[in-house]
Amino acid sequence: MTALAPALLNPRRIALVGASADPTRLTARAQVYLRKHGFDGELYPVNPRAETILGEKSYPSIAAIPGPVDLAYLLLATEHVEGVINDVAAKGIPVACILADGFAEAGPEGVARQERLLATAKAAGVRILGPNSMGLINLNARSACSVNAALEAESLPAGRLALVSQSGSMLGAIMARGAARGLGFSHLISTGNEADLTASEIAGVLVDDPQTDAILLFLEAIRRADLLEEAARRAHAAGKPIIAYKLGRSSFGAELANSHTGALAGSDAAADAFFRANGIARVTMIEALLEAPALFVSRKPITAPHRAVSVMTTTGGGGAMAVDALGVAGIETRAPDEAAVAALKAAGLPHHGRMIDVTLAGTRADKVQAALTALAADPQTDLVLSVVGSSAQFRPHDAVAGIVGAAQSGLAKPVAAFLVPQADVSLRMLGEAGIPAFRTPESCADVVRAYLDWQVPRAAPAAAAVAHTLPARPDEADARKLFAALGLDTGIAVMASPEAVPEGMRYPVALKILSPDLAHKTEVGGVALGIADAVALKVAATEMRARVQAKAPGATITGFLVQPMAKGLAEAILGFRRDPETGPVVLVGAGGVMAELHRDTALRCAPVSEAEARAMIEEVKGLKPLAGWRGLPKGDLNALARAIVAVSRLAAVAEVAEAEINPLIIHAEGQGVTVADAWVVRS
């Protein structure tokens, strides 16, 4: 970390390997931009075919550079990159940033090329930023070591926000959008393919940077989730929020992220769970990524948010848009309480309705401040939002004075503003005052939702060891033995053949085929229900074996599973998997054959506590009737919560890649749950 931090955050001696003497070429841009934006450190263009490049001495090789070098930016073609890494190492350069593409994102040949590159770098002791990296920028030090065309701008504001982006082009786009709003950055770092250095590790470096107050992440995938978890916990302790925008919310987005940087996409729900567990705020709009820091910096997560805001507006239509967008995000616009009504009356302001429409009084700073102060005193509100109409565009000082006054008066709740017209001056004034200000009702709602979702990093319970060994190709009987080891007794019998009917069974029973090759047995006729007696069981098993052999001739049949029929109040799905990005997760949802259709689930990083399990149950709409909704009989939600905790303990069983109970039958309160179907997949 000692050599890594200065190389990434403030390199003062930079080698530009493969720099071009033609200022119109991409490989000349880094040198052009570094000097254009005032870099006063040492630059070493390396090109054996030129004595000078753009007015600066050129060197025939890395070895020819006098003295130490902090960073090598490799501007070479793909086929030449690998051969230069040993030269970088011989010079003692700690980090090589690689511009070239054609690596892991370019198919099997590119994957192999990237693996060779990384092996060479590791053996040589060189850290790699990229490939596919557009470089790194420190605006406070006027260091723009990047080829991103956004650096054509004449000036770029420095500030205290750091951005780490897996997309090089989005690095420039976000920087440009921020500059248009007067937002300044401390650092902007493009990680590209992340063959070695990841956004996760760099976030950890930025936690210790005294020039950075908040860390923004533009992610296509989460690599090294362990390092991001560590960074997030240290960031929380340091009072530096991490705010993430991550692609992959749709299957198409996940596919594009995969093809772009060679990422192995995990599920978006798992990413959400990971962010929540580790105190990382997630926004879903790129505009929100820029607007969120003002609300998060210098604040801690609310312990128990009411998910309610108070709204004051000078425009009925604009206020209604904000209220509507907040409602879609699951946030209530709260009518003023009795104390607020009294204060509004005393100030001569309207006090009826869900939002307070002050109309013409909105240009009077004293009235606006009085209204916001009254609303912020409500203990049941989380935030006060001022919606401003045309005055924000044409009378900016009048429009924002009351908002600034209220925010700076020490109110107990945050004050934010949504400006309905295009009002750049007002936006800039609010930004300079540190007040969250939004251009659209949708981004306003997105940021407020992210703020109310924001949590302290959880104290994850230790995953107790599970004494159990799985066979190489487990069938359902093996899965049930595993769940029994977790404390979920399944009450089954196994028949090796149709003739081996078990004694002492309680009829009627369910019969299922056993095969490590068949996760879904119904489709091949491998399930029979309501079998009345032993004679019928033998007949059913004989017929079932014939059906399955006909429909799935390649499946290995290992026997039959027999279980007494059970009927409960509802069915749930309970699952576990090792997400390729974020690691172990546990899922509960409304179950049965419709589970995949309804997608009514809750998911958390595993293992979970019983309190977390109960919170998961509350999130699943299909399970709400079991709480006694409208007089319906109550289900055994305590047993369901314990089952979730038990399955989450699979996090400690490394040989389990995936496991599922579907359905898990939930009986009446106090009567437990029944495992009706189960399967497991080895890692």
Foldseek 3Di string as FASTA:
>chain_A
DVLVLCLFQPWQFEELEPADLDCVDLSPQLVVLLVLLPQPGHYEYEDLVDQAHPRHGYHPALVRDPDAGAEYEYPDELVCVQVRLLVCLVRVHAEYEAQYDQALLPPPVRPVSLVSSVVSNVVSNHFYQDHNWQAKDFNVNSRRRGSAPLSVDNHFAAAAEEEEECHRNVLSVLSNVCRLLVHHYRMYTHRHLCSDDDPLQVLQSVLPDPSHQEYEYEEAFFAPLVSNLVSLQSSQVSQYAYEYAYFDQDVVRNVVSCSRRVDDHFHPLAVVQSCLQRQHFYFHDSQLSSLQPLVRGPDHADPAALLEEAEEEQDPVQRVQLQVLLVVLVHHQAQQDPQLQVQCVVLVFDRDDSYGHRHPCQLALVNLLSNQLSRLVDPNHAEYEYEYEPCLAVVVCSNCNNQLVNQPPDGPHAYAYEYADPRSVNSNVCVVSSHRYHDGSNSVSRSVSSRNSGDHNDDADDQDDFPDDADPQAKFVSQQVSLVSLVAHAAKDWFQALVRQDPPADDDKKKFWIFSVDQDGVVQQGIDGRQGDSVSSSVSRVVSVVSNCVRPVPIDTRTMMMHHDDAADFWKKWKWAQTPNNGIKIKIERFDPCCVVVVQMHMHHADDDLVVLLVRLVSRPVNVVLCCPPNRFHWQVSLVSSSNNSNSSCSNVQQWGMKMFGTWHIHGHPPHIHRPTMDTDTD
